[in-house]
Amino acid sequence: MANTVSAKKRARQSEKHRQRNMGDRSEVRTAVKKIIKAVLSGDKGQAQAAYKASVPVIDQMANKGLIHKNKAARHKSRLNAHIHAMQS
């Protein structure tokens, strides 16, 4: 348990950051799942729309450092490949 005033403050800040990061990480996962769901349903237009909406979210979280830039690039690349592989 934190004993000093500064350690107590740091614990409060860490908890706030943890909560915010959990929400942001969940937002990324939800965005990716929306694309996957659209791809599996076979609707290319819906998949492309979901992809366009999700890319800025993924990029923002990579810029914040919440996820690694390579992980963001990997997600975008694989999801885009799935969309291009669909029959129109």
N, C-alpha and C. Protein backbone atom coordinates (compact mmCIF):
# COMPACT_ATOMS: atom_id res chain seq x y z
N MET A 1 0.85 -1.19 0.00
CA MET A 1 0.00 0.00 0.00
C MET A 1 0.88 1.23 0.00
N ALA A 2 0.42 2.27 -0.68
CA ALA A 2 1.18 3.50 -0.79
C ALA A 2 1.23 4.21 0.56
N ASN A 3 2.42 4.68 0.92
CA ASN A 3 2.58 5.36 2.20
C ASN A 3 2.73 6.86 2.04
N THR A 4 3.45 7.31 1.05
CA THR A 4 3.67 8.75 0.87
C THR A 4 2.52 9.36 0.06
N VAL A 5 2.43 10.68 0.18
CA VAL A 5 1.39 11.41 -0.54
C VAL A 5 1.57 11.24 -2.04
N SER A 6 2.82 11.32 -2.49
CA SER A 6 3.09 11.20 -3.93
C SER A 6 2.78 9.80 -4.44
N ALA A 7 3.04 8.80 -3.61
CA ALA A 7 2.74 7.42 -4.02
C ALA A 7 1.23 7.20 -4.10
N LYS A 8 0.49 7.81 -3.18
CA LYS A 8 -0.97 7.70 -3.20
C LYS A 8 -1.53 8.38 -4.45
N LYS A 9 -0.98 9.54 -4.79
CA LYS A 9 -1.42 10.25 -5.98
C LYS A 9 -1.11 9.41 -7.22
N ARG A 10 0.07 8.83 -7.25
CA ARG A 10 0.46 8.02 -8.41
C ARG A 10 -0.48 6.82 -8.55
N ALA A 11 -0.88 6.24 -7.43
CA ALA A 11 -1.80 5.10 -7.47
C ALA A 11 -3.15 5.53 -8.05
N ARG A 12 -3.62 6.73 -7.65
CA ARG A 12 -4.88 7.25 -8.20
C ARG A 12 -4.76 7.48 -9.70
N GLN A 13 -3.64 8.07 -10.12
CA GLN A 13 -3.44 8.34 -11.54
C GLN A 13 -3.36 7.04 -12.33
N SER A 14 -2.66 6.07 -11.79
CA SER A 14 -2.51 4.79 -12.48
C SER A 14 -3.86 4.13 -12.69
N GLU A 15 -4.73 4.21 -11.70
CA GLU A 15 -6.06 3.61 -11.82
C GLU A 15 -6.88 4.33 -12.90
N LYS A 16 -6.80 5.66 -12.95
CA LYS A 16 -7.51 6.41 -13.98
C LYS A 16 -7.01 6.02 -15.37
N HIS A 17 -5.70 5.94 -15.50
CA HIS A 17 -5.11 5.57 -16.79
C HIS A 17 -5.49 4.15 -17.18
N ARG A 18 -5.51 3.25 -16.21
CA ARG A 18 -5.87 1.86 -16.48
C ARG A 18 -7.30 1.77 -16.99
N GLN A 19 -8.20 2.50 -16.35
CA GLN A 19 -9.60 2.50 -16.78
C GLN A 19 -9.74 3.04 -18.20
N ARG A 20 -9.06 4.14 -18.48
CA ARG A 20 -9.14 4.74 -19.81
C ARG A 20 -8.55 3.80 -20.86
N ASN A 21 -7.42 3.19 -20.54
CA ASN A 21 -6.79 2.26 -21.48
C ASN A 21 -7.66 1.05 -21.76
N MET A 22 -8.36 0.55 -20.74
CA MET A 22 -9.25 -0.59 -20.94
C MET A 22 -10.36 -0.23 -21.92
N GLY A 23 -10.92 0.96 -21.76
CA GLY A 23 -11.98 1.40 -22.66
C GLY A 23 -11.49 1.57 -24.08
N ASP A 24 -10.31 2.16 -24.22
CA ASP A 24 -9.74 2.37 -25.55
C ASP A 24 -9.39 1.05 -26.22
N ARG A 25 -8.83 0.12 -25.45
CA ARG A 25 -8.47 -1.19 -26.00
C ARG A 25 -9.73 -1.94 -26.44
N SER A 26 -10.79 -1.79 -25.66
CA SER A 26 -12.06 -2.41 -26.00
C SER A 26 -12.61 -1.82 -27.30
N GLU A 27 -12.43 -0.52 -27.48
CA GLU A 27 -12.90 0.15 -28.69
C GLU A 27 -12.20 -0.41 -29.93
N VAL A 28 -10.90 -0.66 -29.81
CA VAL A 28 -10.15 -1.24 -30.93
C VAL A 28 -10.66 -2.63 -31.25
N ARG A 29 -10.84 -3.44 -30.22
CA ARG A 29 -11.31 -4.81 -30.42
C ARG A 29 -12.69 -4.83 -31.07
N THR A 30 -13.56 -3.93 -30.62
CA THR A 30 -14.91 -3.86 -31.19
C THR A 30 -14.85 -3.46 -32.66
N ALA A 31 -13.99 -2.51 -32.98
CA ALA A 31 -13.86 -2.06 -34.37
C ALA A 31 -13.41 -3.21 -35.26
N VAL A 32 -12.45 -3.99 -34.79
CA VAL A 32 -11.94 -5.13 -35.57
C VAL A 32 -13.03 -6.18 -35.72
N LYS A 33 -13.77 -6.43 -34.66
CA LYS A 33 -14.84 -7.44 -34.71
C LYS A 33 -15.95 -7.05 -35.69
N LYS A 34 -16.23 -5.74 -35.79
CA LYS A 34 -17.26 -5.29 -36.73
C LYS A 34 -16.85 -5.62 -38.16
N ILE A 35 -15.59 -5.44 -38.47
CA ILE A 35 -15.10 -5.75 -39.82
C ILE A 35 -15.20 -7.25 -40.07
N ILE A 36 -14.76 -8.03 -39.11
CA ILE A 36 -14.79 -9.49 -39.26
C ILE A 36 -16.22 -9.98 -39.45
N LYS A 37 -17.14 -9.43 -38.67
CA LYS A 37 -18.54 -9.82 -38.78
C LYS A 37 -19.09 -9.49 -40.16
N ALA A 38 -18.73 -8.31 -40.69
CA ALA A 38 -19.19 -7.91 -42.01
C ALA A 38 -18.59 -8.81 -43.10
N VAL A 39 -17.33 -9.19 -42.94
CA VAL A 39 -16.69 -10.07 -43.91
C VAL A 39 -17.36 -11.45 -43.90
N LEU A 40 -17.63 -11.96 -42.71
CA LEU A 40 -18.25 -13.28 -42.60
C LEU A 40 -19.68 -13.28 -43.13
N SER A 41 -20.35 -12.15 -43.04
CA SER A 41 -21.72 -12.08 -43.57
C SER A 41 -21.73 -12.04 -45.10
N GLY A 42 -20.60 -11.69 -45.69
CA GLY A 42 -20.49 -11.69 -47.15
C GLY A 42 -20.87 -10.38 -47.81
N ASP A 43 -21.12 -9.35 -47.03
CA ASP A 43 -21.51 -8.05 -47.57
C ASP A 43 -20.26 -7.17 -47.72
N LYS A 44 -19.77 -7.07 -48.95
CA LYS A 44 -18.52 -6.34 -49.20
C LYS A 44 -18.66 -4.85 -48.91
N GLY A 45 -19.80 -4.27 -49.26
CA GLY A 45 -20.01 -2.84 -49.01
C GLY A 45 -19.99 -2.51 -47.53
N GLN A 46 -20.65 -3.34 -46.77
CA GLN A 46 -20.69 -3.14 -45.32
C GLN A 46 -19.30 -3.34 -44.72
N ALA A 47 -18.57 -4.31 -45.23
CA ALA A 47 -17.21 -4.58 -44.74
C ALA A 47 -16.30 -3.39 -45.03
N GLN A 48 -16.42 -2.81 -46.23
CA GLN A 48 -15.59 -1.66 -46.57
C GLN A 48 -15.95 -0.45 -45.71
N ALA A 49 -17.22 -0.27 -45.44
CA ALA A 49 -17.64 0.85 -44.60
C ALA A 49 -17.12 0.68 -43.18
N ALA A 50 -17.20 -0.55 -42.66
CA ALA A 50 -16.69 -0.83 -41.32
C ALA A 50 -15.18 -0.62 -41.28
N TYR A 51 -14.48 -1.00 -42.34
CA TYR A 51 -13.03 -0.84 -42.40
C TYR A 51 -12.67 0.65 -42.38
N LYS A 52 -13.39 1.45 -43.18
CA LYS A 52 -13.11 2.89 -43.22
C LYS A 52 -13.34 3.54 -41.87
N ALA A 53 -14.35 3.07 -41.14
CA ALA A 53 -14.64 3.63 -39.83
C ALA A 53 -13.63 3.17 -38.78
N SER A 54 -13.07 1.98 -38.96
CA SER A 54 -12.19 1.40 -37.95
C SER A 54 -10.73 1.84 -38.07
N VAL A 55 -10.29 2.16 -39.27
CA VAL A 55 -8.88 2.51 -39.46
C VAL A 55 -8.46 3.71 -38.61
N PRO A 56 -9.24 4.81 -38.56
CA PRO A 56 -8.82 5.92 -37.70
C PRO A 56 -8.74 5.54 -36.23
N VAL A 57 -9.64 4.69 -35.77
CA VAL A 57 -9.62 4.25 -34.37
C VAL A 57 -8.35 3.48 -34.08
N ILE A 58 -8.01 2.55 -34.97
CA ILE A 58 -6.80 1.75 -34.79
C ILE A 58 -5.56 2.64 -34.81
N ASP A 59 -5.52 3.59 -35.74
CA ASP A 59 -4.37 4.49 -35.84
C ASP A 59 -4.23 5.38 -34.61
N GLN A 60 -5.35 5.86 -34.09
CA GLN A 60 -5.30 6.71 -32.89
C GLN A 60 -4.70 5.96 -31.72
N MET A 61 -5.12 4.72 -31.55
CA MET A 61 -4.61 3.95 -30.41
C MET A 61 -3.13 3.61 -30.59
N ALA A 62 -2.70 3.44 -31.83
CA ALA A 62 -1.28 3.19 -32.08
C ALA A 62 -0.48 4.46 -31.79
N ASN A 63 -1.01 5.62 -32.16
CA ASN A 63 -0.31 6.88 -31.90
C ASN A 63 -0.23 7.17 -30.41
N LYS A 64 -1.24 6.77 -29.66
CA LYS A 64 -1.22 6.95 -28.22
C LYS A 64 -0.25 5.99 -27.53
N GLY A 65 0.11 4.92 -28.24
CA GLY A 65 1.00 3.92 -27.64
C GLY A 65 0.24 2.82 -26.94
N LEU A 66 -1.05 2.79 -27.10
CA LEU A 66 -1.86 1.76 -26.46
C LEU A 66 -1.59 0.40 -27.11
N ILE A 67 -1.47 0.40 -28.43
CA ILE A 67 -1.04 -0.80 -29.14
C ILE A 67 0.17 -0.41 -29.98
N HIS A 68 1.00 -1.37 -30.30
CA HIS A 68 2.21 -1.10 -31.07
C HIS A 68 1.84 -0.75 -32.51
N LYS A 69 2.61 0.11 -33.14
CA LYS A 69 2.34 0.53 -34.51
C LYS A 69 2.36 -0.65 -35.47
N ASN A 70 3.23 -1.62 -35.23
CA ASN A 70 3.28 -2.79 -36.11
C ASN A 70 2.02 -3.64 -35.95
N LYS A 71 1.50 -3.71 -34.74
CA LYS A 71 0.27 -4.46 -34.52
C LYS A 71 -0.90 -3.80 -35.25
N ALA A 72 -0.94 -2.47 -35.20
CA ALA A 72 -1.98 -1.74 -35.91
C ALA A 72 -1.87 -1.98 -37.41
N ALA A 73 -0.66 -1.93 -37.93
CA ALA A 73 -0.45 -2.15 -39.36
C ALA A 73 -0.83 -3.58 -39.75
N ARG A 74 -0.51 -4.52 -38.89
CA ARG A 74 -0.84 -5.92 -39.16
C ARG A 74 -2.35 -6.12 -39.22
N HIS A 75 -3.06 -5.53 -38.26
CA HIS A 75 -4.53 -5.63 -38.26
C HIS A 75 -5.10 -5.05 -39.54
N LYS A 76 -4.67 -3.84 -39.88
CA LYS A 76 -5.21 -3.17 -41.06
C LYS A 76 -4.92 -3.97 -42.33
N SER A 77 -3.71 -4.48 -42.43
CA SER A 77 -3.32 -5.22 -43.62
C SER A 77 -4.13 -6.50 -43.77
N ARG A 78 -4.26 -7.26 -42.71
CA ARG A 78 -4.98 -8.53 -42.77
C ARG A 78 -6.47 -8.33 -43.03
N LEU A 79 -7.05 -7.33 -42.37
CA LEU A 79 -8.47 -7.08 -42.56
C LEU A 79 -8.74 -6.60 -43.99
N ASN A 80 -7.86 -5.75 -44.50
CA ASN A 80 -8.01 -5.27 -45.86
C ASN A 80 -7.87 -6.42 -46.86
N ALA A 81 -6.97 -7.33 -46.58
CA ALA A 81 -6.79 -8.50 -47.46
C ALA A 81 -8.05 -9.37 -47.47
N HIS A 82 -8.68 -9.52 -46.32
CA HIS A 82 -9.92 -10.28 -46.25
C HIS A 82 -11.02 -9.62 -47.08
N ILE A 83 -11.07 -8.30 -47.00
CA ILE A 83 -12.10 -7.57 -47.75
C ILE A 83 -11.86 -7.70 -49.24
N HIS A 84 -10.60 -7.57 -49.67
CA HIS A 84 -10.29 -7.68 -51.11
C HIS A 84 -10.51 -9.09 -51.63
N ALA A 85 -10.41 -10.09 -50.77
CA ALA A 85 -10.59 -11.48 -51.19
C ALA A 85 -12.06 -11.83 -51.38
N MET A 86 -12.95 -10.98 -50.88
CA MET A 86 -14.39 -11.27 -50.98
C MET A 86 -14.86 -11.14 -52.41
N GLN A 87 -15.91 -11.89 -52.75
CA GLN A 87 -16.56 -11.74 -54.04
C GLN A 87 -17.49 -10.54 -53.96
N SER A 88 -17.48 -9.70 -54.98
CA SER A 88 -18.33 -8.51 -54.92
C SER A 88 -19.77 -8.78 -55.32
